[in-house]
Protein backbone atom coordinates (compact mmCIF):
# COMPACT_ATOMS: atom_id res chain seq x y z
CA MET A 1 116.13 202.66 88.74
CA THR A 2 113.04 202.63 90.37
CA ALA A 3 110.87 201.08 87.25
CA VAL A 4 113.74 198.12 87.60
CA LEU A 5 113.00 198.10 91.57
CA ARG A 6 109.31 197.70 91.23
CA ALA A 7 109.39 195.36 88.47
CA VAL A 8 111.44 193.19 90.79
CA GLN A 9 109.09 193.46 93.48
CA GLU A 10 105.97 192.84 90.93
CA CYS A 11 107.87 189.26 89.88
CA ARG A 12 108.34 188.68 93.64
CA ALA A 13 104.92 189.05 94.44
CA LYS A 14 103.80 185.86 91.20
CA PRO A 15 103.81 182.32 92.03
CA LEU A 16 105.44 180.00 91.20
CA GLY A 17 104.99 178.39 88.49
CA ASP A 18 104.30 181.87 86.72
CA PRO A 19 107.77 181.82 84.42
CA GLN A 20 107.40 185.05 82.87
CA ARG A 21 109.75 187.04 85.78
CA ILE A 22 112.54 188.22 83.71
CA ILE A 23 113.61 191.83 83.43
CA VAL A 24 115.39 192.66 80.97
CA LEU A 25 117.55 195.90 80.80
CA LEU A 26 119.01 197.65 78.05
CA ALA A 27 121.41 199.56 78.76
CA PRO A 28 124.33 201.47 76.62
CA ALA A 29 127.96 199.19 76.89
CA ASP A 30 129.60 201.24 78.96
CA PHE A 31 126.95 200.93 82.22
CA GLY A 32 127.52 200.47 84.55
CA LEU A 33 125.10 200.14 87.81
CA PRO A 34 125.99 201.26 91.34
CA LEU A 35 126.93 199.06 94.20
CA SER A 36 124.13 200.54 95.79
CA CYS A 37 121.70 199.15 93.61
CA ARG A 38 123.24 195.57 93.45
CA ARG A 39 122.72 195.48 97.05
CA ALA A 40 118.95 196.63 96.80
CA PHE A 41 118.67 194.18 94.24
CA ARG A 42 120.06 191.01 96.69
CA ARG A 43 117.52 192.08 98.81
CA LEU A 44 114.94 192.34 97.16
CA GLY A 45 115.61 188.76 95.30
CA ALA A 46 117.10 189.89 92.37
CA VAL A 47 120.04 188.05 90.30
CA LEU A 48 121.79 190.19 87.91
CA LEU A 49 123.35 188.17 84.53
CA GLN A 50 125.22 190.25 81.93
CA ALA A 51 124.35 189.30 78.68
CA GLY A 52 127.33 188.98 76.75
CA GLN A 53 126.77 187.76 73.92
CA LEU A 54 123.88 185.33 75.51
CA ASP A 55 125.02 182.05 75.03
CA GLN A 56 123.47 178.98 75.50
CA ASN A 57 124.96 178.36 79.12
CA ARG A 58 123.76 181.61 79.86
CA LEU A 59 120.45 181.30 78.63
CA ARG A 60 119.53 177.79 79.47
CA PHE A 61 120.96 179.63 83.45
CA LEU A 62 118.32 182.61 82.92
CA LYS A 63 114.83 180.08 82.17
CA LEU A 64 116.07 177.66 84.99
CA LEU A 65 115.85 180.90 87.21
CA ALA A 66 112.65 181.94 85.93
CA HIS A 67 110.98 178.54 86.29
CA ARG A 68 112.53 176.65 89.33
CA THR A 69 113.20 179.73 91.31
CA ARG A 70 111.43 182.48 92.92
CA VAL A 71 114.67 184.99 92.31
CA ALA A 72 113.79 187.95 89.34
CA PRO A 73 116.70 187.63 87.01
CA LEU A 74 117.88 190.92 85.74
CA LEU A 75 119.26 190.15 82.30
CA LEU A 76 121.77 193.61 81.10
CA ALA A 77 122.38 193.93 77.67
CA SER A 78 123.70 196.53 75.19
CA PRO A 79 120.47 196.68 72.49
CA GLY A 80 122.97 195.89 69.92
CA VAL A 81 123.49 192.71 71.48
CA TRP A 82 119.57 192.69 72.34
CA ARG A 83 118.56 193.17 68.53
CA ALA A 84 121.31 191.16 67.25
CA TRP A 85 120.20 188.34 69.03
CA ASN A 86 116.64 188.54 68.38
CA ARG A 87 117.40 188.97 64.54
CA ARG A 88 119.64 185.70 64.43
CA ARG A 89 118.33 183.03 67.22
CA PRO A 90 114.25 184.18 66.66
CA LEU A 91 113.10 180.60 67.95
CA GLU A 92 115.09 181.16 71.21
CA ALA A 93 114.25 185.11 71.29
CA ALA A 94 110.57 184.56 71.48
CA GLN A 95 110.76 182.04 74.58
CA ILE A 96 112.23 185.01 76.81
CA ARG A 97 110.20 187.20 75.12
CA ARG A 98 107.63 185.63 76.74
CA ARG A 99 109.06 184.88 80.26
CA THR A 100 110.21 188.63 80.20
CA HIS A 101 107.84 190.54 82.63
CA ALA A 102 109.69 194.41 81.62
CA ILE A 103 111.86 195.59 79.25
CA VAL A 104 113.20 198.79 80.96
CA GLU A 105 115.89 201.26 78.76
CA PHE A 106 118.54 203.20 80.38
CA ASN A 107 119.86 205.67 77.80
CA GLU A 108 123.09 207.42 80.04
CA PRO A 109 125.28 205.20 82.09
CA CYS A 110 125.35 205.35 85.42
CA PRO A 111 128.34 206.55 87.76
CA LYS A 112 130.24 203.82 88.78
CA ASN A 113 130.65 204.06 92.35
CA THR A 114 132.24 201.67 94.71
């Protein structure tokens, strides 16, 4: 989690015109972020987006956050969904990669806290 918090701080320090502020979190499907982590992200100015199937609306919102706001969008996706989407939508995947500040991989699910 420390790598994610550091990446969020780096993204928030960038000038507003720099769109390279998306942080991709690759995690198992059963990955759960503890409530304390979600609160820390919000406090630092990050927005967590569940990737789901990476539909058009979600991608537009992600690009809007990266371009027009000072928040650091955190895109949470499973590695399988991420790879499949990169194969299926190469142009959009390249656009997101250009806007990506960091990719953080988690190998084990976090304990679900409330």
